[in-house]
Every structure is written in C-alpha cells, then in structure tokens.
Amino acid sequence: MRVNRMGKAAFSFYKWLGFIIAVIVSAISAVLGFFDDTPSQLVMLYTVAIFGSILWGWHHLSVRWTYNETFYDADETLNENNLDQKIQEVEDSDQTDSYFSFLIKSNRGAIIGILAMIIAFVALAFAMDDFFQWQNILSLVVFFLTLLVLIITNSVAKNNKSALMGLAVLIGLFIMGSLIVDGFISTLNLKSMLLFASFLGLACIGQTLVVLLGGLDLSVSFVIGAANIGLMYLITLGIPPWICIIAVLLMGLGVGLVNGLLSFRLQGQALILTLGVGFVVTGAVQALTTIGSDFGGSVFGVVPKWLSNIAATNGTFLGVSIPPVVVIWVVASIIMIIALSNTTWGRSLYAVGGNRTAAARLSISERAYWIGAFAIGGFVSALTGILLLGWSGGGFVGVGGPYLFQTIAAVVVGGTSLLGGKGGYGFTVIGVLVLQVLSSFLVGIGLSYEGQQFVFGLLILPMVALYARSPHIRTQI
C-alpha cells in the first residue's frame, strides 16, 4: 500500500513560493500596462486575473506534484491507528530538516549558475552605457523566474517533465522578447513567427515519427530543397501547377519509401544512408533543372498567386488576415496528436519504438511502421518545399538547408526521446515554438545567423545529456 502525503514544510514552501511568483508577475503586467497607457480599469482587471490564474495553476501544476512517499508491503495489515501513526512519522521526519535547505542542497549546481549569471549581469550593467534600464531589470526578473520554474519542474515533475519545461521556456522567452525587442509583439512579427513556425512544424512531422522509432532522417532538408526547385522548374515548362504539385509530392513520397526500405535493411548505417540519399536526390534534381540554364541551383519563374497567398505573411484565409499555411499546420498538428495518442496505429508506433521484440510478439510489423514513418517524412518534406516556394517566389535548392538540424533540434527540445518510444508530436510543437520565438528574439537583439546556431547548439546539448541519463522505456517494462 502507498500513502502519498505532502509534508508540512514542503507544502508551506511551495504555497508561498507560488504566491510570491504571482505577485511579481502580476506587478510586472501592471507596470507594462501603465507604460503602454492602458486604461486603469483594464490594468486592474488584467492584474487580478493574472494573479488568480497563476495561483490556481501553481496549486494544480506544482504543489500537487510534490509529496512524500511511504511504502508498505502488500501483506501488511494497517488499521486506522497504525495508518495515522505512519503518516505522523512522515510529518515528523519532514520537520527535522527545512525543505528550503533541502532544495538548496539538491540544486547546488543550478544556484551557483544563477549567482554566476547575476555577477555577469552586474558586470554588463557597469560596462555598457544605458544597460541598467527598467526593461532589462524586468527581463532579468523574468529570466530568473523561468530558471526557478525549470529547477522546480525538474525536481518535482513526474510526468511530461520536458513539455512543462518547454512551456516555461517559451513563456519566459516571449515575455523577455516583448520587453527588450521593439515590435516583438506586433501583429506583423507574431504572424511572421507563426509563418516560419508552420514551415518548421510541417517538416518536423516525419522527423518526429522516425525519432519515435529510434531513428533519424537526415534527408529532410535535401527533399525540401529538391521539391522547391523541382516544382518551379516544372511550372516554367508550362505544366499545370496542380499536376506539378502532385508530381513533386509523389517524388517526396518515393524518396521516403527508398529511405525506409534501405535503412530498415541497414539499420546500423541508417543515419549515413539517409544523408547519402539526400545528396543523391538534390544532385539529380539540380542537374536536371540546370540543363540549358546559367543559374545553377536556382530557377526563376512566376509562382501561382494562390500558392503565394498560402505561404505569404499577408495571406488571408476565408477573409481572415492569417497565413493559410498556419491553418494547415494547426490542422496537421491536431490530426497527428490524435492519431498518435488515440489510434491503434499510434499505439503500435510507440510499441515498436519502445520495444521491438515485444512489438513483434504482438504481431506488429516493425518493417511496415519503419517504412511508413520515412514515407510520411518524405511526403511532408516535399510539401514543405512546395509551400516555401510560395513564400520565396523562386526556386532555390538551398532553401532547406536550415532544416537539416532545426527539425532534430525542435524534436529534441520538445522532449521526444532520441532513443525512441517516448514523446509525441505535441511535444514537437512546443519545441518548434521555442526555437522560433528564440530565433526571433536573437534576431531582434542583433545576433548573427552563426550566433543563433551556437545558441541552438547550447540548447540541444543539455537535452541530449538528459536523455542519455534517463533509462530507456524498454528497461522499465
């Protein structure tokens, strides 16, 4: 028998910590409303609503996670007096040591890191002119609140830890971006972030499925570039656009099938194999499209207006000023999340990724799911290349270059395990949004593309280290 009961010290600590966080965040919102000349009635309403929402969410998402566990043997008979005595022992043991000191001891490394960042912030404040401003101070507060939430989540969360940490990072980045970068929360920038997140999110569909099976597909970026330049080339030949799109989608599907078939037979070399297939496809399409052309790797022509509208920042959907590609991504995300969590296909996919031997004994075809995941990946990669043509207005074979590792980064940051069998596309959506908001934030503060890649790498490293220390799901069955 198991009795779960939060100790008094832990409960008191988390209760007051949530209260302090709610006060700080609501105060920040009130200050921002004041500086934005928002009517005082609305400022008061929003402040009270934020304060109440944080308190409610903190109780349900943090306080209820933490408890002391006392185990009893199944054959032990507990009467009411014995049970009360056991619970009292748990409470007495909890009072012997302060929960605050326990957190300090268990998170000593994180606290040292925070102190180091405070020292760095103070050094920058004195080294740079006009650095010590209210926007930077509020951003520092939000940054440390985000770190605090991450530390607590990592310590007490039992389920969906990576998703909760990703949401905390996303909210923290968004608040810091709105404070530091001018126009970060403008309608144009929000639509732009959603637009590029949609491209990345669609490209991540296949990568997520392959990672859930314990593999990686490095041909994603090459298929995107080949589809982009191939579609423009076919359109310039005078072929109807809808026929060209079907042909390109079939090409992507075919590449995915080839990847799946070959990588299943040579799973020890699957990573290099998909990379080689990607080079072959890109080289073949580039050689074909450059015949009689002076522009290697690029094809110029007229993109259909309806395709441009689908992928343009100023595109409209049913009269609403929102890029249709965002709607496509939302619909695809809902379908993927439901399919993975509520269908036999999704459960079988997790079974194959979690334990292939057990899946085989349940008559689940590993070969069919492996090939199917790569086929879906090739199809959605070609679709992403098509949509990117509508955004760019011209075919360019290198348009898929950034997606080579961004798709992997989004999947990893979202929390899908590289070992397979754990995660899902809902986690990937969080990873996509985190990367996109982070990218927009870094661009807003003037960081170069190389610097952005450096930051993305720093973001991936601790996530991979976390998975390396976590036991694979097959060892827990």
Protein backbone atom coordinates (compact mmCIF):
# COMPACT_ATOMS: atom_id res chain seq x y z
CA MET A 1 0.00 0.00 0.00
CA ARG A 2 1.24 3.51 -0.76
CA VAL A 3 0.33 6.62 1.20
CA ASN A 4 1.06 9.90 -0.59
CA ARG A 5 1.14 12.98 1.58
CA MET A 6 2.98 16.25 1.16
CA GLY A 7 4.98 17.28 4.21
CA LYS A 8 4.09 20.50 6.01
CA ALA A 9 7.41 22.18 5.23
CA ALA A 10 7.16 21.34 1.51
CA PHE A 11 3.54 22.46 1.31
CA SER A 12 4.24 25.75 3.06
CA PHE A 13 7.30 26.43 0.89
CA TYR A 14 5.51 25.80 -2.41
CA LYS A 15 2.39 27.67 -1.34
CA TRP A 16 4.28 30.86 -0.50
CA LEU A 17 6.60 30.50 -3.48
CA GLY A 18 3.58 30.42 -5.79
CA PHE A 19 2.15 33.47 -4.02
CA ILE A 20 5.40 35.42 -4.48
CA ILE A 21 5.63 34.48 -8.17
CA ALA A 22 2.00 35.51 -8.71
CA VAL A 23 2.66 38.90 -7.06
CA ILE A 24 5.81 39.53 -9.12
CA VAL A 25 4.26 38.56 -12.47
CA SER A 26 1.04 40.50 -11.85
CA ALA A 27 3.11 43.53 -10.77
CA ILE A 28 5.12 43.29 -13.99
CA SER A 29 1.89 43.18 -16.02
CA ALA A 30 0.58 46.23 -14.17
CA VAL A 31 3.81 48.15 -14.85
CA LEU A 32 3.71 47.21 -18.55
CA GLY A 33 0.08 48.29 -18.76
CA PHE A 34 0.98 51.61 -17.16
CA PHE A 35 3.79 52.28 -19.65
CA ASP A 36 1.54 51.29 -22.58
CA ASP A 37 -1.11 53.82 -21.44
CA THR A 38 -3.70 51.09 -20.94
CA PRO A 39 -6.88 52.29 -19.14
CA SER A 40 -6.56 51.81 -15.38
CA GLN A 41 -9.72 49.68 -15.22
CA LEU A 42 -8.26 47.20 -17.68
CA VAL A 43 -4.92 47.22 -15.89
CA MET A 44 -6.65 46.32 -12.61
CA LEU A 45 -8.77 43.64 -14.30
CA TYR A 46 -5.82 42.01 -16.07
CA THR A 47 -3.65 42.17 -12.95
CA VAL A 48 -6.25 40.46 -10.78
CA ALA A 49 -6.94 37.87 -13.49
CA ILE A 50 -3.22 37.09 -13.90
CA PHE A 51 -2.73 36.87 -10.13
CA GLY A 52 -5.65 34.47 -9.70
CA SER A 53 -4.72 32.34 -12.73
CA ILE A 54 -1.13 31.90 -11.54
CA LEU A 55 -2.23 30.93 -8.03
CA TRP A 56 -4.72 28.39 -9.38
CA GLY A 57 -2.24 26.98 -11.90
CA TRP A 58 0.53 26.86 -9.32
CA HIS A 59 -1.59 24.80 -6.94
CA HIS A 60 -2.70 22.31 -9.59
CA LEU A 61 0.59 22.05 -11.52
CA SER A 62 3.23 22.36 -8.80
CA VAL A 63 2.03 21.85 -5.25
CA ARG A 64 0.11 18.69 -6.10
CA TRP A 65 3.21 17.14 -7.72
CA THR A 66 5.28 17.10 -4.55
CA TYR A 67 4.65 14.55 -1.87
CA ASN A 68 6.42 12.18 0.44
CA GLU A 69 6.07 8.52 -0.44
CA THR A 70 5.84 5.85 2.21
CA PHE A 71 5.62 2.28 1.01
CA TYR A 72 4.08 -0.62 2.85
CA ASP A 73 4.18 -4.27 1.94
CA ALA A 74 1.06 -5.67 0.36
CA ASP A 75 0.69 -8.27 3.10
CA GLU A 76 0.99 -5.71 5.93
CA THR A 77 -2.30 -5.04 7.67
CA LEU A 78 -2.87 -1.39 8.53
CA ASN A 79 -5.65 -0.38 10.82
CA GLU A 80 -6.73 3.21 11.29
CA ASN A 81 -4.46 3.86 14.27
CA ASN A 82 -1.44 2.32 12.53
CA LEU A 83 -2.05 4.39 9.40
CA ASP A 84 -2.27 7.63 11.40
CA GLN A 85 0.94 6.69 13.19
CA LYS A 86 2.75 6.15 9.87
CA ILE A 87 1.54 9.47 8.48
CA GLN A 88 2.63 11.24 11.67
CA GLU A 89 6.09 9.70 11.26
CA VAL A 90 6.27 11.13 7.74
CA GLU A 91 5.32 14.60 9.01
CA ASP A 92 7.79 14.42 11.90
CA SER A 93 10.61 13.39 9.58
CA ASP A 94 9.71 16.24 7.24
CA GLN A 95 10.05 18.74 10.09
CA THR A 96 13.55 17.58 11.01
CA ASP A 97 15.00 19.40 8.03
CA SER A 98 13.86 22.56 6.31
CA TYR A 99 12.51 21.96 2.84
CA PHE A 100 14.21 25.15 1.70
CA SER A 101 17.59 23.82 2.78
CA PHE A 102 16.78 20.54 1.07
CA LEU A 103 16.16 22.38 -2.22
CA ILE A 104 19.42 24.30 -1.83
CA LYS A 105 21.36 21.09 -1.30
CA SER A 106 19.72 19.26 -4.19
CA ASN A 107 20.10 22.18 -6.64
CA ARG A 108 23.50 23.46 -5.60
CA GLY A 109 24.84 23.50 -9.16
CA ALA A 110 21.87 25.46 -10.51
CA ILE A 111 22.17 28.02 -7.71
CA ILE A 112 25.87 28.51 -8.43
CA GLY A 113 24.99 29.04 -12.10
CA ILE A 114 22.36 31.64 -11.20
CA LEU A 115 24.82 33.51 -8.99
CA ALA A 116 27.35 33.47 -11.82
CA MET A 117 24.76 34.97 -14.19
CA ILE A 118 23.90 37.66 -11.63
CA ILE A 119 27.57 38.58 -11.47
CA ALA A 120 27.70 38.68 -15.29
CA PHE A 121 24.61 40.91 -15.39
CA VAL A 122 26.09 43.36 -12.89
CA ALA A 123 29.35 43.42 -14.87
CA LEU A 124 27.44 44.22 -18.07
CA ALA A 125 25.43 46.89 -16.26
CA PHE A 126 28.60 48.77 -15.36
CA ALA A 127 30.43 48.05 -18.62
CA MET A 128 27.70 49.15 -21.07
CA ASP A 129 26.03 52.53 -21.30
CA ASP A 130 22.27 52.65 -20.68
CA PHE A 131 22.20 48.95 -19.87
CA PHE A 132 20.68 49.40 -16.44
CA GLN A 133 17.15 50.20 -17.65
CA TRP A 134 13.74 49.05 -16.42
CA GLN A 135 13.25 46.76 -19.45
CA ASN A 136 16.48 44.94 -18.69
CA ILE A 137 15.65 44.70 -14.99
CA LEU A 138 12.23 43.21 -15.72
CA SER A 139 13.81 40.85 -18.23
CA LEU A 140 16.28 39.72 -15.58
CA VAL A 141 13.41 39.07 -13.17
CA VAL A 142 11.54 37.06 -15.79
CA PHE A 143 14.71 35.16 -16.65
CA PHE A 144 15.32 34.10 -13.06
CA LEU A 145 11.66 33.24 -12.54
CA THR A 146 11.90 31.00 -15.60
CA LEU A 147 15.03 29.35 -14.20
CA LEU A 148 13.27 28.86 -10.88
CA VAL A 149 10.31 27.21 -12.55
CA LEU A 150 12.66 24.97 -14.55
CA ILE A 151 14.51 23.92 -11.40
CA ILE A 152 11.31 23.13 -9.55
CA THR A 153 9.82 21.32 -12.53
CA ASN A 154 12.93 19.21 -12.94
CA SER A 155 12.87 18.35 -9.24
CA VAL A 156 9.21 17.53 -8.69
CA ALA A 157 7.51 16.79 -12.01
CA LYS A 158 6.85 13.10 -12.57
CA ASN A 159 5.10 13.09 -15.96
CA ASN A 160 5.57 15.24 -19.07
CA LYS A 161 8.53 16.97 -17.48
CA SER A 162 10.07 18.07 -20.79
CA ALA A 163 6.78 19.53 -22.07
CA LEU A 164 6.29 21.57 -18.91
CA MET A 165 9.87 22.81 -19.03
CA GLY A 166 9.44 23.70 -22.70
CA LEU A 167 6.31 25.70 -21.93
CA ALA A 168 8.15 27.56 -19.16
CA VAL A 169 10.99 28.43 -21.54
CA LEU A 170 8.51 29.51 -24.24
CA ILE A 171 6.61 31.84 -21.90
CA GLY A 172 9.84 33.25 -20.45
CA LEU A 173 11.33 33.92 -23.89
CA PHE A 174 8.15 35.57 -25.11
CA ILE A 175 7.98 37.91 -22.12
CA MET A 176 11.68 38.82 -22.38
CA GLY A 177 11.34 39.42 -26.12
CA SER A 178 8.37 41.73 -25.61
CA LEU A 179 10.36 43.71 -23.05
CA ILE A 180 13.66 44.04 -24.91
CA VAL A 181 12.90 43.90 -28.65
CA ASP A 182 10.87 46.73 -30.18
CA GLY A 183 7.85 45.44 -32.09
CA PHE A 184 8.28 41.88 -30.81
CA ILE A 185 4.59 41.51 -30.00
CA SER A 186 3.40 43.46 -33.02
CA THR A 187 0.86 41.78 -35.27
CA LEU A 188 3.33 41.60 -38.15
CA ASN A 189 6.02 39.90 -36.06
CA LEU A 190 3.57 37.46 -34.49
CA LYS A 191 2.29 36.46 -37.92
CA SER A 192 5.87 36.14 -39.15
CA MET A 193 6.81 33.87 -36.23
CA LEU A 194 3.75 31.69 -36.80
CA LEU A 195 4.52 31.53 -40.52
CA PHE A 196 8.06 30.24 -40.09
CA ALA A 197 7.00 28.00 -37.21
CA SER A 198 4.48 26.42 -39.60
CA PHE A 199 7.18 25.58 -42.15
CA LEU A 200 9.37 24.05 -39.46
CA GLY A 201 6.45 22.29 -37.80
CA LEU A 202 5.36 20.60 -41.02
CA ALA A 203 8.93 19.49 -41.74
CA CYS A 204 9.11 18.03 -38.21
CA ILE A 205 6.15 15.68 -38.67
CA GLY A 206 8.18 12.96 -40.36
CA GLN A 207 11.21 13.56 -38.17
CA THR A 208 9.10 13.06 -35.05
CA LEU A 209 7.73 9.74 -36.31
CA VAL A 210 11.20 8.49 -37.24
CA VAL A 211 12.65 9.56 -33.87
CA LEU A 212 9.81 7.79 -32.05
CA LEU A 213 11.02 4.62 -33.75
CA GLY A 214 14.58 5.29 -32.62
CA GLY A 215 15.97 6.62 -35.92
CA LEU A 216 16.93 9.91 -37.56
CA ASP A 217 16.20 11.20 -41.06
CA LEU A 218 18.91 13.50 -42.42
CA SER A 219 17.36 13.73 -45.88
CA VAL A 220 14.61 16.16 -44.77
CA SER A 221 16.42 19.34 -45.81
CA PHE A 222 17.51 17.86 -49.15
CA VAL A 223 13.99 16.78 -50.07
CA ILE A 224 12.72 20.26 -49.18
CA GLY A 225 15.29 21.89 -51.48
CA ALA A 226 14.69 19.39 -54.30
CA ALA A 227 10.91 19.87 -54.09
CA ASN A 228 11.30 23.64 -54.08
CA ILE A 229 13.49 23.89 -57.16
CA GLY A 230 11.79 20.94 -58.91
CA LEU A 231 8.33 22.48 -58.65
CA MET A 232 9.50 25.82 -60.04
CA TYR A 233 11.22 24.04 -62.91
CA LEU A 234 8.09 22.06 -63.83
CA ILE A 235 5.95 25.19 -63.71
CA THR A 236 8.32 27.01 -66.08
CA LEU A 237 7.84 24.15 -68.57
CA GLY A 238 4.19 25.14 -68.88
CA ILE A 239 2.75 22.15 -67.00
CA PRO A 240 -0.39 22.96 -64.95
CA PRO A 241 0.64 23.77 -61.36
CA TRP A 242 -1.63 21.18 -59.76
CA ILE A 243 -0.06 18.41 -61.83
CA CYS A 244 3.40 19.71 -60.89
CA ILE A 245 2.49 19.66 -57.18
CA ILE A 246 1.21 16.07 -57.37
CA ALA A 247 4.40 15.00 -59.17
CA VAL A 248 6.60 16.67 -56.54
CA LEU A 249 4.63 15.13 -53.67
CA LEU A 250 4.96 11.69 -55.27
CA MET A 251 8.69 12.33 -55.62
CA GLY A 252 8.93 13.08 -51.90
CA LEU A 253 6.89 10.00 -51.07
CA GLY A 254 9.17 7.89 -53.27
CA VAL A 255 12.30 9.23 -51.60
CA GLY A 256 10.78 8.42 -48.22
CA LEU A 257 9.99 4.86 -49.31
CA VAL A 258 13.56 4.38 -50.56
CA ASN A 259 14.90 5.73 -47.27
CA GLY A 260 12.66 3.41 -45.31
CA LEU A 261 13.44 0.29 -47.31
CA LEU A 262 17.20 0.77 -47.37
CA SER A 263 17.54 2.00 -43.79
CA PHE A 264 15.46 -0.90 -42.48
CA ARG A 265 17.81 -3.38 -44.11
CA LEU A 266 20.91 -1.47 -42.95
CA GLN A 267 19.74 -0.01 -39.65
CA GLY A 268 23.27 0.16 -38.32
CA GLN A 269 24.05 2.68 -41.08
CA ALA A 270 20.63 4.34 -41.33
CA LEU A 271 21.91 7.80 -40.38
CA ILE A 272 24.56 7.95 -43.10
CA LEU A 273 22.24 6.24 -45.57
CA THR A 274 19.55 8.92 -45.35
CA LEU A 275 22.22 11.59 -45.70
CA GLY A 276 23.53 9.87 -48.84
CA VAL A 277 20.04 9.54 -50.33
CA GLY A 278 19.51 13.25 -49.68
CA PHE A 279 22.67 14.17 -51.56
CA VAL A 280 21.68 11.91 -54.48
CA VAL A 281 18.19 13.42 -54.76
CA THR A 282 19.44 17.01 -54.53
CA GLY A 283 22.22 16.41 -57.04
CA ALA A 284 19.91 14.69 -59.52
CA VAL A 285 17.24 17.42 -59.37
CA GLN A 286 19.84 20.16 -59.55
CA ALA A 287 21.49 18.55 -62.58
CA LEU A 288 18.11 18.23 -64.31
CA THR A 289 16.98 21.78 -63.63
CA THR A 290 20.27 23.41 -64.67
CA ILE A 291 20.26 21.93 -68.19
CA GLY A 292 20.36 24.92 -70.53
CA SER A 293 20.41 27.37 -67.61
CA ASP A 294 23.11 29.75 -66.42
CA PHE A 295 21.86 29.73 -62.83
CA GLY A 296 22.96 26.59 -61.03
CA GLY A 297 20.80 25.75 -58.03
CA SER A 298 18.15 28.40 -58.76
CA VAL A 299 15.11 28.52 -61.04
CA PHE A 300 13.18 31.70 -61.66
CA GLY A 301 9.60 31.96 -62.84
CA VAL A 302 6.10 33.06 -61.91
CA VAL A 303 4.62 31.40 -58.83
CA PRO A 304 0.81 30.99 -58.90
CA LYS A 305 -0.94 33.67 -56.86
CA TRP A 306 -2.91 31.16 -54.82
CA LEU A 307 0.31 29.43 -53.77
CA SER A 308 1.86 32.77 -52.80
CA ASN A 309 -1.23 33.61 -50.75
CA ILE A 310 -0.97 30.32 -48.85
CA ALA A 311 2.59 30.98 -47.71
CA ALA A 312 2.71 34.79 -47.50
CA THR A 313 2.79 36.79 -44.28
CA ASN A 314 -0.05 38.94 -45.59
CA GLY A 315 -2.03 35.93 -46.84
CA THR A 316 -5.70 35.51 -45.98
CA PHE A 317 -7.82 32.52 -45.08
CA LEU A 318 -11.59 32.82 -45.58
CA GLY A 319 -11.27 36.58 -45.42
CA VAL A 320 -9.24 36.49 -42.18
CA SER A 321 -5.77 38.05 -42.26
CA ILE A 322 -3.82 34.94 -41.30
CA PRO A 323 -1.42 32.93 -43.49
CA PRO A 324 -3.25 29.78 -44.65
CA VAL A 325 -0.10 27.72 -44.02
CA VAL A 326 -0.62 28.37 -40.31
CA VAL A 327 -4.09 26.84 -40.56
CA ILE A 328 -2.63 23.88 -42.46
CA TRP A 329 -0.08 23.33 -39.69
CA VAL A 330 -2.71 23.59 -36.95
CA VAL A 331 -4.95 21.03 -38.68
CA ALA A 332 -1.99 18.71 -39.33
CA SER A 333 -0.90 19.05 -35.68
CA ILE A 334 -4.35 18.13 -34.38
CA ILE A 335 -4.51 15.11 -36.68
CA MET A 336 -1.03 13.93 -35.66
CA ILE A 337 -1.64 14.36 -31.93
CA ILE A 338 -4.95 12.48 -32.09
CA ALA A 339 -3.53 9.77 -34.34
CA LEU A 340 -0.55 9.12 -32.08
CA SER A 341 -2.49 9.08 -28.83
CA ASN A 342 -5.91 7.66 -29.70
CA THR A 343 -5.49 5.18 -32.55
CA THR A 344 -4.15 1.65 -32.91
CA TRP A 345 -1.61 2.96 -35.41
CA GLY A 346 -0.19 5.41 -32.87
CA ARG A 347 -0.02 2.89 -30.05
CA SER A 348 1.68 0.38 -32.32
CA LEU A 349 4.22 3.03 -33.35
CA TYR A 350 5.10 3.64 -29.71
CA ALA A 351 5.29 -0.12 -29.15
CA VAL A 352 7.82 -0.57 -31.96
CA GLY A 353 9.93 2.34 -30.72
CA GLY A 354 9.74 1.21 -27.11
CA ASN A 355 10.50 -2.49 -27.51
CA ARG A 356 10.78 -4.09 -30.94
CA THR A 357 10.87 -7.63 -29.59
CA ALA A 358 7.67 -7.14 -27.61
CA ALA A 359 6.02 -5.46 -30.62
CA ALA A 360 6.97 -8.39 -32.86
CA ARG A 361 5.40 -10.81 -30.41
CA LEU A 362 2.20 -8.77 -30.66
CA SER A 363 2.32 -9.25 -34.46
CA ILE A 364 3.15 -5.60 -35.08
CA SER A 365 5.19 -5.25 -38.26
CA GLU A 366 8.33 -3.28 -37.50
CA ARG A 367 9.14 -3.12 -41.20
CA ALA A 368 5.79 -1.58 -42.14
CA TYR A 369 5.94 1.10 -39.46
CA TRP A 370 9.59 1.92 -40.17
CA ILE A 371 8.99 2.35 -43.90
CA GLY A 372 5.72 4.18 -43.28
CA ALA A 373 7.36 6.73 -40.98
CA PHE A 374 10.05 7.54 -43.55
CA ALA A 375 7.42 7.70 -46.34
CA ILE A 376 5.37 10.22 -44.37
CA GLY A 377 8.56 12.17 -43.70
CA GLY A 378 9.40 12.35 -47.40
CA PHE A 379 5.85 13.44 -48.27
CA VAL A 380 5.65 16.28 -45.72
CA SER A 381 9.19 17.39 -46.58
CA ALA A 382 8.14 17.77 -50.23
CA LEU A 383 5.03 19.61 -49.07
CA THR A 384 7.19 21.98 -47.03
CA GLY A 385 9.36 22.66 -50.08
CA ILE A 386 6.26 23.46 -52.13
CA LEU A 387 4.95 25.89 -49.52
CA LEU A 388 8.36 27.54 -49.22
CA LEU A 389 8.23 28.23 -52.97
CA GLY A 390 5.07 30.22 -52.39
CA TRP A 391 6.88 32.22 -49.72
CA SER A 392 10.15 32.84 -51.61
CA GLY A 393 8.75 33.33 -55.11
CA GLY A 394 11.63 31.46 -56.73
CA GLY A 395 13.20 28.03 -56.64
CA PHE A 396 16.40 27.68 -54.65
CA VAL A 397 17.99 24.33 -53.86
CA GLY A 398 19.47 25.57 -50.58
CA VAL A 399 16.14 26.68 -49.10
CA GLY A 400 16.00 23.52 -47.00
CA GLY A 401 19.50 23.93 -45.54
CA PRO A 402 18.42 25.37 -42.16
CA TYR A 403 16.02 22.47 -41.65
CA LEU A 404 18.79 19.85 -41.59
CA PHE A 405 19.32 20.24 -37.86
CA GLN A 406 16.41 22.51 -36.91
CA THR A 407 14.00 19.61 -37.29
CA ILE A 408 16.13 17.49 -34.97
CA ALA A 409 16.53 20.41 -32.57
CA ALA A 410 12.77 21.00 -32.39
CA VAL A 411 12.09 17.33 -31.70
CA VAL A 412 14.80 17.15 -29.02
CA VAL A 413 13.91 20.44 -27.33
CA GLY A 414 10.25 19.43 -27.33
CA GLY A 415 11.09 16.31 -25.34
CA THR A 416 10.78 13.37 -27.71
CA SER A 417 13.46 10.88 -26.73
CA LEU A 418 16.13 10.13 -29.32
CA LEU A 419 16.08 6.56 -28.01
CA GLY A 420 12.53 6.11 -29.29
CA GLY A 421 9.24 5.13 -27.74
CA LYS A 422 8.68 8.31 -25.73
CA GLY A 423 7.38 11.72 -26.71
CA GLY A 424 4.99 12.78 -29.45
CA TYR A 425 4.14 15.48 -31.93
CA GLY A 426 2.52 17.66 -29.26
CA PHE A 427 5.97 17.86 -27.65
CA THR A 428 7.47 18.77 -31.03
CA VAL A 429 5.00 21.65 -31.42
CA ILE A 430 6.34 23.10 -28.16
CA GLY A 431 9.91 22.65 -29.41
CA VAL A 432 9.08 24.37 -32.71
CA LEU A 433 7.56 27.37 -30.94
CA VAL A 434 10.50 27.61 -28.54
CA LEU A 435 13.01 27.62 -31.41
CA GLN A 436 11.02 30.15 -33.41
CA VAL A 437 10.49 32.57 -30.52
CA LEU A 438 14.16 32.17 -29.56
CA SER A 439 15.24 32.80 -33.16
CA SER A 440 13.09 35.93 -33.42
CA PHE A 441 14.44 37.14 -30.09
CA LEU A 442 18.06 36.60 -31.14
CA VAL A 443 17.48 38.38 -34.45
CA GLY A 444 15.84 41.24 -32.57
CA ILE A 445 18.91 41.78 -30.39
CA GLY A 446 21.15 41.73 -33.47
CA LEU A 447 22.73 38.27 -33.19
CA SER A 448 24.10 36.84 -36.44
CA TYR A 449 22.97 33.56 -38.00
CA GLU A 450 26.16 31.86 -36.80
CA GLY A 451 25.50 33.10 -33.29
CA GLN A 452 21.97 31.74 -33.45
CA GLN A 453 23.28 28.31 -34.42
CA PHE A 454 25.66 28.48 -31.46
CA VAL A 455 22.76 29.21 -29.08
CA PHE A 456 20.68 26.39 -30.61
CA GLY A 457 23.58 24.04 -30.03
CA LEU A 458 23.81 25.10 -26.39
CA LEU A 459 20.09 24.42 -26.09
CA ILE A 460 20.36 20.92 -27.55
CA LEU A 461 23.36 19.71 -25.53
CA PRO A 462 21.70 19.61 -22.08
CA MET A 463 18.59 17.96 -23.56
CA VAL A 464 20.65 15.18 -25.12
CA ALA A 465 22.56 14.78 -21.86
CA LEU A 466 19.25 14.49 -20.03
CA TYR A 467 18.08 11.69 -22.33
CA ALA A 468 21.42 9.92 -22.02
CA ARG A 469 20.95 9.73 -18.25
CA SER A 470 17.31 8.65 -18.49
CA PRO A 471 16.55 4.92 -18.68
CA HIS A 472 15.01 3.75 -21.94
CA ILE A 473 11.39 2.81 -21.78
CA ARG A 474 12.17 -0.80 -22.71
CA THR A 475 14.13 -1.15 -19.46
CA GLN A 476 11.07 -0.10 -17.47
CA ILE A 477 8.62 -2.64 -18.91
